Amino acid sequence: METKVVSAHIPLPLAEKVKDLAQRLERSKAWVDQEEERHRLTLEALADVDSGNVIEHQTVQVWAESLDSGNPLPLPVDGHQTEPTEQLPT
């Protein structure tokens, strides 16, 4: 994958905090930034779960199984779904 370097102006205290953390962990500043983003996304996902914004495993499994059929089901999007839309074949 090709990449491009970009620059951004950030407050000096934040830049120092990132630099100090990177040095303490013996990692790059980019790694610290990546881990912060991963942490933020994890907290966001956990908040979704806490609010009930989930799709039941069986519903996703039925959808995934349908992808190999001639009539795939639409992507499940109902965040408050509690029952699968179809039963798995037994």
PDB file of N, CA and C in Angstrom:
ATOM      1  N   MET A   1       0.839  -1.167   0.000  1.00  0.00           N
ATOM      2  CA  MET A   1       0.000   0.000   0.000  1.00  0.00           C
ATOM      3  C   MET A   1       0.891   1.238   0.000  1.00  0.00           C
ATOM      4  N   GLU A   2       0.552   2.177  -0.832  1.00  0.00           N
ATOM      5  CA  GLU A   2       1.299   3.425  -0.864  1.00  0.00           C
ATOM      6  C   GLU A   2       0.856   4.311   0.287  1.00  0.00           C
ATOM      7  N   THR A   3       1.767   5.107   0.791  1.00  0.00           N
ATOM      8  CA  THR A   3       1.442   6.026   1.877  1.00  0.00           C
ATOM      9  C   THR A   3       1.921   7.420   1.526  1.00  0.00           C
ATOM     10  N   LYS A   4       1.444   8.383   2.294  1.00  0.00           N
ATOM     11  CA  LYS A   4       1.850   9.766   2.098  1.00  0.00           C
ATOM     12  C   LYS A   4       2.049  10.384   3.474  1.00  0.00           C
ATOM     13  N   VAL A   5       3.124  11.105   3.646  1.00  0.00           N
ATOM     14  CA  VAL A   5       3.407  11.783   4.904  1.00  0.00           C
ATOM     15  C   VAL A   5       2.623  13.085   4.934  1.00  0.00           C
ATOM     16  N   VAL A   6       1.964  13.339   6.067  1.00  0.00           N
ATOM     17  CA  VAL A   6       1.251  14.599   6.258  1.00  0.00           C
ATOM     18  C   VAL A   6       1.722  15.215   7.572  1.00  0.00           C
ATOM     19  N   SER A   7       1.594  16.503   7.667  1.00  0.00           N
ATOM     20  CA  SER A   7       1.969  17.216   8.889  1.00  0.00           C
ATOM     21  C   SER A   7       0.737  17.888   9.461  1.00  0.00           C
ATOM     22  N   ALA A   8       0.740  18.047  10.778  1.00  0.00           N
ATOM     23  CA  ALA A   8      -0.369  18.732  11.436  1.00  0.00           C
ATOM     24  C   ALA A   8       0.176  19.539  12.603  1.00  0.00           C
ATOM     25  N   HIS A   9      -0.447  20.653  12.864  1.00  0.00           N
ATOM     26  CA  HIS A   9      -0.090  21.460  14.023  1.00  0.00           C
ATOM     27  C   HIS A   9      -0.936  20.988  15.196  1.00  0.00           C
ATOM     28  N   ILE A  10      -0.265  20.623  16.285  1.00  0.00           N
ATOM     29  CA  ILE A  10      -0.976  20.201  17.494  1.00  0.00           C
ATOM     30  C   ILE A  10      -0.411  20.987  18.670  1.00  0.00           C
ATOM     31  N   PRO A  11      -1.177  21.106  19.744  1.00  0.00           N
ATOM     32  CA  PRO A  11      -0.677  21.842  20.906  1.00  0.00           C
ATOM     33  C   PRO A  11       0.616  21.213  21.442  1.00  0.00           C
ATOM     34  N   LEU A  12       1.550  22.053  21.867  1.00  0.00           N
ATOM     35  CA  LEU A  12       2.836  21.561  22.372  1.00  0.00           C
ATOM     36  C   LEU A  12       2.689  20.568  23.523  1.00  0.00           C
ATOM     37  N   PRO A  13       1.784  20.796  24.487  1.00  0.00           N
ATOM     38  CA  PRO A  13       1.656  19.811  25.570  1.00  0.00           C
ATOM     39  C   PRO A  13       1.259  18.424  25.057  1.00  0.00           C
ATOM     40  N   LEU A  14       0.406  18.383  24.053  1.00  0.00           N
ATOM     41  CA  LEU A  14       0.003  17.099  23.479  1.00  0.00           C
ATOM     42  C   LEU A  14       1.177  16.444  22.757  1.00  0.00           C
ATOM     43  N   ALA A  15       1.930  17.230  22.013  1.00  0.00           N
ATOM     44  CA  ALA A  15       3.096  16.693  21.301  1.00  0.00           C
ATOM     45  C   ALA A  15       4.110  16.121  22.288  1.00  0.00           C
ATOM     46  N   GLU A  16       4.335  16.812  23.392  1.00  0.00           N
ATOM     47  CA  GLU A  16       5.265  16.324  24.416  1.00  0.00           C
ATOM     48  C   GLU A  16       4.751  15.042  25.061  1.00  0.00           C
ATOM     49  N   LYS A  17       3.455  15.003  25.321  1.00  0.00           N
ATOM     50  CA  LYS A  17       2.857  13.816  25.939  1.00  0.00           C
ATOM     51  C   LYS A  17       3.029  12.596  25.030  1.00  0.00           C
ATOM     52  N   VAL A  18       2.762  12.772  23.743  1.00  0.00           N
ATOM     53  CA  VAL A  18       2.908  11.670  22.782  1.00  0.00           C
ATOM     54  C   VAL A  18       4.373  11.254  22.685  1.00  0.00           C
ATOM     55  N   LYS A  19       5.277  12.227  22.619  1.00  0.00           N
ATOM     56  CA  LYS A  19       6.709  11.923  22.532  1.00  0.00           C
ATOM     57  C   LYS A  19       7.182  11.160  23.770  1.00  0.00           C
ATOM     58  N   ASP A  20       6.773  11.627  24.957  1.00  0.00           N
ATOM     59  CA  ASP A  20       7.181  10.966  26.204  1.00  0.00           C
ATOM     60  C   ASP A  20       6.638   9.548  26.282  1.00  0.00           C
ATOM     61  N   LEU A  21       5.380   9.371  25.901  1.00  0.00           N
ATOM     62  CA  LEU A  21       4.772   8.041  25.931  1.00  0.00           C
ATOM     63  C   LEU A  21       5.477   7.108  24.951  1.00  0.00           C
ATOM     64  N   ALA A  22       5.767   7.605  23.767  1.00  0.00           N
ATOM     65  CA  ALA A  22       6.461   6.793  22.759  1.00  0.00           C
ATOM     66  C   ALA A  22       7.842   6.373  23.257  1.00  0.00           C
ATOM     67  N   GLN A  23       8.552   7.289  23.882  1.00  0.00           N
ATOM     68  CA  GLN A  23       9.880   6.956  24.409  1.00  0.00           C
ATOM     69  C   GLN A  23       9.780   5.935  25.541  1.00  0.00           C
ATOM     70  N   ARG A  24       8.835   6.145  26.447  1.00  0.00           N
ATOM     71  CA  ARG A  24       8.676   5.239  27.582  1.00  0.00           C
ATOM     72  C   ARG A  24       8.329   3.827  27.127  1.00  0.00           C
ATOM     73  N   LEU A  25       7.498   3.720  26.097  1.00  0.00           N
ATOM     74  CA  LEU A  25       7.076   2.410  25.594  1.00  0.00           C
ATOM     75  C   LEU A  25       8.015   1.861  24.523  1.00  0.00           C
ATOM     76  N   GLU A  26       9.010   2.652  24.154  1.00  0.00           N
ATOM     77  CA  GLU A  26       9.941   2.280  23.092  1.00  0.00           C
ATOM     78  C   GLU A  26       9.200   1.965  21.789  1.00  0.00           C
ATOM     79  N   ARG A  27       8.303   2.851  21.457  1.00  0.00           N
ATOM     80  CA  ARG A  27       7.505   2.754  20.234  1.00  0.00           C
ATOM     81  C   ARG A  27       7.574   4.083  19.496  1.00  0.00           C
ATOM     82  N   SER A  28       7.089   4.076  18.267  1.00  0.00           N
ATOM     83  CA  SER A  28       7.070   5.326  17.499  1.00  0.00           C
ATOM     84  C   SER A  28       5.859   6.164  17.908  1.00  0.00           C
ATOM     85  N   LYS A  29       5.924   7.448  17.582  1.00  0.00           N
ATOM     86  CA  LYS A  29       4.784   8.327  17.849  1.00  0.00           C
ATOM     87  C   LYS A  29       3.580   7.888  17.014  1.00  0.00           C
ATOM     88  N   ALA A  30       3.834   7.384  15.819  1.00  0.00           N
ATOM     89  CA  ALA A  30       2.735   6.887  14.977  1.00  0.00           C
ATOM     90  C   ALA A  30       2.043   5.700  15.639  1.00  0.00           C
ATOM     91  N   TRP A  31       2.817   4.832  16.290  1.00  0.00           N
ATOM     92  CA  TRP A  31       2.232   3.681  16.987  1.00  0.00           C
ATOM     93  C   TRP A  31       1.343   4.156  18.128  1.00  0.00           C
ATOM     94  N   VAL A  32       1.798   5.157  18.887  1.00  0.00           N
ATOM     95  CA  VAL A  32       0.997   5.705  19.984  1.00  0.00           C
ATOM     96  C   VAL A  32      -0.318   6.238  19.439  1.00  0.00           C
ATOM     97  N   ASP A  33      -0.255   6.970  18.339  1.00  0.00           N
ATOM     98  CA  ASP A  33      -1.465   7.508  17.716  1.00  0.00           C
ATOM     99  C   ASP A  33      -2.397   6.389  17.263  1.00  0.00           C
ATOM    100  N   GLN A  34      -1.831   5.356  16.653  1.00  0.00           N
ATOM    101  CA  GLN A  34      -2.637   4.222  16.177  1.00  0.00           C
ATOM    102  C   GLN A  34      -3.325   3.516  17.346  1.00  0.00           C
ATOM    103  N   GLU A  35      -2.607   3.318  18.435  1.00  0.00           N
ATOM    104  CA  GLU A  35      -3.190   2.654  19.606  1.00  0.00           C
ATOM    105  C   GLU A  35      -4.279   3.505  20.247  1.00  0.00           C
ATOM    106  N   GLU A  36      -4.100   4.819  20.241  1.00  0.00           N
ATOM    107  CA  GLU A  36      -5.133   5.706  20.784  1.00  0.00           C
ATOM    108  C   GLU A  36      -6.403   5.589  19.960  1.00  0.00           C
ATOM    109  N   GLU A  37      -6.259   5.543  18.649  1.00  0.00           N
ATOM    110  CA  GLU A  37      -7.421   5.393  17.763  1.00  0.00           C
ATOM    111  C   GLU A  37      -8.089   4.044  17.979  1.00  0.00           C
ATOM    112  N   ARG A  38      -7.302   2.995  18.135  1.00  0.00           N
ATOM    113  CA  ARG A  38      -7.852   1.664  18.397  1.00  0.00           C
ATOM    114  C   ARG A  38      -8.644   1.668  19.713  1.00  0.00           C
ATOM    115  N   HIS A  39      -8.097   2.328  20.729  1.00  0.00           N
ATOM    116  CA  HIS A  39      -8.773   2.418  22.027  1.00  0.00           C
ATOM    117  C   HIS A  39     -10.092   3.193  21.900  1.00  0.00           C
ATOM    118  N   ARG A  40     -10.056   4.311  21.168  1.00  0.00           N
ATOM    119  CA  ARG A  40     -11.265   5.118  20.970  1.00  0.00           C
ATOM    120  C   ARG A  40     -12.352   4.314  20.269  1.00  0.00           C
ATOM    121  N   LEU A  41     -11.967   3.576  19.229  1.00  0.00           N
ATOM    122  CA  LEU A  41     -12.941   2.767  18.494  1.00  0.00           C
ATOM    123  C   LEU A  41     -13.484   1.626  19.352  1.00  0.00           C
ATOM    124  N   THR A  42     -12.646   1.059  20.216  1.00  0.00           N
ATOM    125  CA  THR A  42     -13.102   0.003  21.121  1.00  0.00           C
ATOM    126  C   THR A  42     -14.138   0.552  22.090  1.00  0.00           C
ATOM    127  N   LEU A  43     -13.874   1.722  22.669  1.00  0.00           N
ATOM    128  CA  LEU A  43     -14.840   2.330  23.587  1.00  0.00           C
ATOM    129  C   LEU A  43     -16.150   2.657  22.873  1.00  0.00           C
ATOM    130  N   GLU A  44     -16.048   3.111  21.638  1.00  0.00           N
ATOM    131  CA  GLU A  44     -17.239   3.408  20.840  1.00  0.00           C
ATOM    132  C   GLU A  44     -18.051   2.134  20.592  1.00  0.00           C
ATOM    133  N   ALA A  45     -17.371   1.047  20.272  1.00  0.00           N
ATOM    134  CA  ALA A  45     -18.052  -0.228  20.032  1.00  0.00           C
ATOM    135  C   ALA A  45     -18.704  -0.745  21.306  1.00  0.00           C
ATOM    136  N   LEU A  46     -18.026  -0.627  22.437  1.00  0.00           N
ATOM    137  CA  LEU A  46     -18.605  -1.071  23.710  1.00  0.00           C
ATOM    138  C   LEU A  46     -19.835  -0.245  24.073  1.00  0.00           C
ATOM    139  N   ALA A  47     -19.818   1.041  23.759  1.00  0.00           N
ATOM    140  CA  ALA A  47     -20.991   1.888  23.997  1.00  0.00           C
ATOM    141  C   ALA A  47     -22.158   1.426  23.130  1.00  0.00           C
ATOM    142  N   ASP A  48     -21.884   1.024  21.889  1.00  0.00           N
ATOM    143  CA  ASP A  48     -22.934   0.476  21.023  1.00  0.00           C
ATOM    144  C   ASP A  48     -23.539  -0.778  21.641  1.00  0.00           C
ATOM    145  N   VAL A  49     -22.697  -1.652  22.152  1.00  0.00           N
ATOM    146  CA  VAL A  49     -23.182  -2.887  22.779  1.00  0.00           C
ATOM    147  C   VAL A  49     -24.033  -2.545  23.994  1.00  0.00           C
ATOM    148  N   ASP A  50     -23.552  -1.629  24.830  1.00  0.00           N
ATOM    149  CA  ASP A  50     -24.303  -1.236  26.026  1.00  0.00           C
ATOM    150  C   ASP A  50     -25.669  -0.658  25.680  1.00  0.00           C
ATOM    151  N   SER A  51     -25.775   0.016  24.533  1.00  0.00           N
ATOM    152  CA  SER A  51     -27.055   0.610  24.137  1.00  0.00           C
ATOM    153  C   SER A  51     -27.941  -0.377  23.378  1.00  0.00           C
ATOM    154  N   GLY A  52     -27.469  -1.613  23.219  1.00  0.00           N
ATOM    155  CA  GLY A  52     -28.266  -2.629  22.535  1.00  0.00           C
ATOM    156  C   GLY A  52     -28.149  -2.589  21.028  1.00  0.00           C
ATOM    157  N   ASN A  53     -27.235  -1.820  20.514  1.00  0.00           N
ATOM    158  CA  ASN A  53     -27.058  -1.696  19.073  1.00  0.00           C
ATOM    159  C   ASN A  53     -26.179  -2.842  18.565  1.00  0.00           C
ATOM    160  N   VAL A  54     -26.769  -4.024  18.537  1.00  0.00           N
ATOM    161  CA  VAL A  54     -26.051  -5.231  18.132  1.00  0.00           C
ATOM    162  C   VAL A  54     -26.921  -6.047  17.184  1.00  0.00           C
ATOM    163  N   ILE A  55     -26.314  -6.967  16.497  1.00  0.00           N
ATOM    164  CA  ILE A  55     -27.035  -7.920  15.655  1.00  0.00           C
ATOM    165  C   ILE A  55     -26.690  -9.297  16.186  1.00  0.00           C
ATOM    166  N   GLU A  56     -27.708 -10.100  16.441  1.00  0.00           N
ATOM    167  CA  GLU A  56     -27.503 -11.426  17.010  1.00  0.00           C
ATOM    168  C   GLU A  56     -26.610 -12.278  16.109  1.00  0.00           C
ATOM    169  N   HIS A  57     -25.789 -13.097  16.742  1.00  0.00           N
ATOM    170  CA  HIS A  57     -24.847 -13.957  16.025  1.00  0.00           C
ATOM    171  C   HIS A  57     -25.561 -14.833  15.000  1.00  0.00           C
ATOM    172  N   GLN A  58     -26.671 -15.429  15.400  1.00  0.00           N
ATOM    173  CA  GLN A  58     -27.371 -16.342  14.490  1.00  0.00           C
ATOM    174  C   GLN A  58     -27.889 -15.598  13.258  1.00  0.00           C
ATOM    175  N   THR A  59     -28.314 -14.353  13.439  1.00  0.00           N
ATOM    176  CA  THR A  59     -28.766 -13.549  12.301  1.00  0.00           C
ATOM    177  C   THR A  59     -27.620 -13.319  11.318  1.00  0.00           C
ATOM    178  N   VAL A  60     -26.456 -12.995  11.840  1.00  0.00           N
ATOM    179  CA  VAL A  60     -25.283 -12.785  10.984  1.00  0.00           C
ATOM    180  C   VAL A  60     -24.886 -14.094  10.314  1.00  0.00           C
ATOM    181  N   GLN A  61     -24.974 -15.193  11.059  1.00  0.00           N
ATOM    182  CA  GLN A  61     -24.605 -16.492  10.503  1.00  0.00           C
ATOM    183  C   GLN A  61     -25.539 -16.872   9.354  1.00  0.00           C
ATOM    184  N   VAL A  62     -26.848 -16.661   9.535  1.00  0.00           N
ATOM    185  CA  VAL A  62     -27.811 -16.950   8.466  1.00  0.00           C
ATOM    186  C   VAL A  62     -27.492 -16.093   7.244  1.00  0.00           C
ATOM    187  N   TRP A  63     -27.211 -14.817   7.469  1.00  0.00           N
ATOM    188  CA  TRP A  63     -26.869 -13.923   6.360  1.00  0.00           C
ATOM    189  C   TRP A  63     -25.610 -14.419   5.641  1.00  0.00           C
ATOM    190  N   ALA A  64     -24.567 -14.767   6.406  1.00  0.00           N
ATOM    191  CA  ALA A  64     -23.311 -15.227   5.802  1.00  0.00           C
ATOM    192  C   ALA A  64     -23.526 -16.506   4.998  1.00  0.00           C
ATOM    193  N   GLU A  65     -24.318 -17.432   5.537  1.00  0.00           N
ATOM    194  CA  GLU A  65     -24.606 -18.682   4.822  1.00  0.00           C
ATOM    195  C   GLU A  65     -25.334 -18.394   3.508  1.00  0.00           C
ATOM    196  N   SER A  66     -26.177 -17.354   3.500  1.00  0.00           N
ATOM    197  CA  SER A  66     -26.957 -17.048   2.297  1.00  0.00           C
ATOM    198  C   SER A  66     -26.087 -16.506   1.167  1.00  0.00           C
ATOM    199  N   LEU A  67     -24.893 -16.031   1.487  1.00  0.00           N
ATOM    200  CA  LEU A  67     -24.034 -15.442   0.458  1.00  0.00           C
ATOM    201  C   LEU A  67     -23.592 -16.454  -0.582  1.00  0.00           C
ATOM    202  N   ASP A  68     -23.562 -17.743  -0.203  1.00  0.00           N
ATOM    203  CA  ASP A  68     -23.197 -18.797  -1.155  1.00  0.00           C
ATOM    204  C   ASP A  68     -24.393 -19.300  -1.954  1.00  0.00           C
ATOM    205  N   SER A  69     -25.577 -18.793  -1.644  1.00  0.00           N
ATOM    206  CA  SER A  69     -26.781 -19.257  -2.336  1.00  0.00           C
ATOM    207  C   SER A  69     -27.049 -18.374  -3.550  1.00  0.00           C
ATOM    208  N   GLY A  70     -28.023 -18.765  -4.333  1.00  0.00           N
ATOM    209  CA  GLY A  70     -28.412 -17.961  -5.484  1.00  0.00           C
ATOM    210  C   GLY A  70     -29.254 -16.765  -5.093  1.00  0.00           C
ATOM    211  N   ASN A  71     -29.661 -16.698  -3.825  1.00  0.00           N
ATOM    212  CA  ASN A  71     -30.526 -15.625  -3.353  1.00  0.00           C
ATOM    213  C   ASN A  71     -30.000 -15.092  -2.016  1.00  0.00           C
ATOM    214  N   PRO A  72     -28.895 -14.331  -2.040  1.00  0.00           N
ATOM    215  CA  PRO A  72     -28.335 -13.845  -0.779  1.00  0.00           C
ATOM    216  C   PRO A  72     -29.274 -12.866  -0.080  1.00  0.00           C
ATOM    217  N   LEU A  73     -29.304 -12.957   1.236  1.00  0.00           N
ATOM    218  CA  LEU A  73     -30.117 -12.047   2.043  1.00  0.00           C
ATOM    219  C   LEU A  73     -29.447 -10.677   2.099  1.00  0.00           C
ATOM    220  N   PRO A  74     -30.235  -9.620   2.327  1.00  0.00           N
ATOM    221  CA  PRO A  74     -29.623  -8.298   2.488  1.00  0.00           C
ATOM    222  C   PRO A  74     -28.809  -8.248   3.790  1.00  0.00           C
ATOM    223  N   LEU A  75     -27.855  -7.370   3.830  1.00  0.00           N
ATOM    224  CA  LEU A  75     -27.016  -7.186   5.005  1.00  0.00           C
ATOM    225  C   LEU A  75     -27.885  -6.834   6.210  1.00  0.00           C
ATOM    226  N   PRO A  76     -27.750  -7.562   7.325  1.00  0.00           N
ATOM    227  CA  PRO A  76     -28.554  -7.221   8.509  1.00  0.00           C
ATOM    228  C   PRO A  76     -28.117  -5.866   9.060  1.00  0.00           C
ATOM    229  N   VAL A  77     -29.073  -4.980   9.286  1.00  0.00           N
ATOM    230  CA  VAL A  77     -28.746  -3.648   9.775  1.00  0.00           C
ATOM    231  C   VAL A  77     -29.534  -3.245  11.007  1.00  0.00           C
ATOM    232  N   ASP A  78     -30.556  -3.987  11.392  1.00  0.00           N
ATOM    233  CA  ASP A  78     -31.371  -3.620  12.545  1.00  0.00           C
ATOM    234  C   ASP A  78     -30.550  -3.787  13.817  1.00  0.00           C
ATOM    235  N   GLY A  79     -30.145  -2.685  14.396  1.00  0.00           N
ATOM    236  CA  GLY A  79     -29.294  -2.725  15.568  1.00  0.00           C
ATOM    237  C   GLY A  79     -29.962  -3.248  16.813  1.00  0.00           C
ATOM    238  N   HIS A  80     -31.272  -3.357  16.827  1.00  0.00           N
ATOM    239  CA  HIS A  80     -31.977  -3.839  18.014  1.00  0.00           C
ATOM    240  C   HIS A  80     -32.673  -5.158  17.744  1.00  0.00           C
ATOM    241  N   GLN A  81     -32.186  -5.885  16.800  1.00  0.00           N
ATOM    242  CA  GLN A  81     -32.760  -7.164  16.412  1.00  0.00           C
ATOM    243  C   GLN A  81     -32.458  -8.211  17.479  1.00  0.00           C
ATOM    244  N   THR A  82     -33.477  -8.956  17.901  1.00  0.00           N
ATOM    245  CA  THR A  82     -33.243  -9.975  18.920  1.00  0.00           C
ATOM    246  C   THR A  82     -33.480 -11.376  18.392  1.00  0.00           C
ATOM    247  N   GLU A  83     -34.187 -11.515  17.294  1.00  0.00           N
ATOM    248  CA  GLU A  83     -34.460 -12.829  16.709  1.00  0.00           C
ATOM    249  C   GLU A  83     -33.865 -12.884  15.312  1.00  0.00           C
ATOM    250  N   PRO A  84     -33.294 -14.029  14.928  1.00  0.00           N
ATOM    251  CA  PRO A  84     -32.774 -14.139  13.565  1.00  0.00           C
ATOM    252  C   PRO A  84     -33.903 -14.050  12.551  1.00  0.00           C
ATOM    253  N   THR A  85     -33.589 -13.540  11.361  1.00  0.00           N
ATOM    254  CA  THR A  85     -34.608 -13.398  10.329  1.00  0.00           C
ATOM    255  C   THR A  85     -34.982 -14.738   9.717  1.00  0.00           C
ATOM    256  N   GLU A  86     -34.105 -15.705   9.793  1.00  0.00           N
ATOM    257  CA  GLU A  86     -34.327 -17.039   9.236  1.00  0.00           C
ATOM    258  C   GLU A  86     -33.627 -18.043  10.117  1.00  0.00           C
ATOM    259  N   GLN A  87     -34.099 -19.266  10.114  1.00  0.00           N
ATOM    260  CA  GLN A  87     -33.433 -20.315  10.874  1.00  0.00           C
ATOM    261  C   GLN A  87     -32.380 -20.982   9.997  1.00  0.00           C
ATOM    262  N   LEU A  88     -31.295 -21.388  10.610  1.00  0.00           N
ATOM    263  CA  LEU A  88     -30.271 -22.136   9.891  1.00  0.00           C
ATOM    264  C   LEU A  88     -30.785 -23.518   9.557  1.00  0.00           C
ATOM    265  N   PRO A  89     -30.412 -24.067   8.403  1.00  0.00           N
ATOM    266  CA  PRO A  89     -30.806 -25.439   8.095  1.00  0.00           C
ATOM    267  C   PRO A  89     -30.135 -26.397   9.078  1.00  0.00           C
ATOM    268  N   THR A  90     -30.869 -27.424   9.481  1.00  0.00           N
ATOM    269  CA  THR A  90     -30.300 -28.397  10.433  1.00  0.00           C
ATOM    270  C   THR A  90     -29.926 -29.672   9.742  1.00  0.00           C
TER     271      THR A  90
END
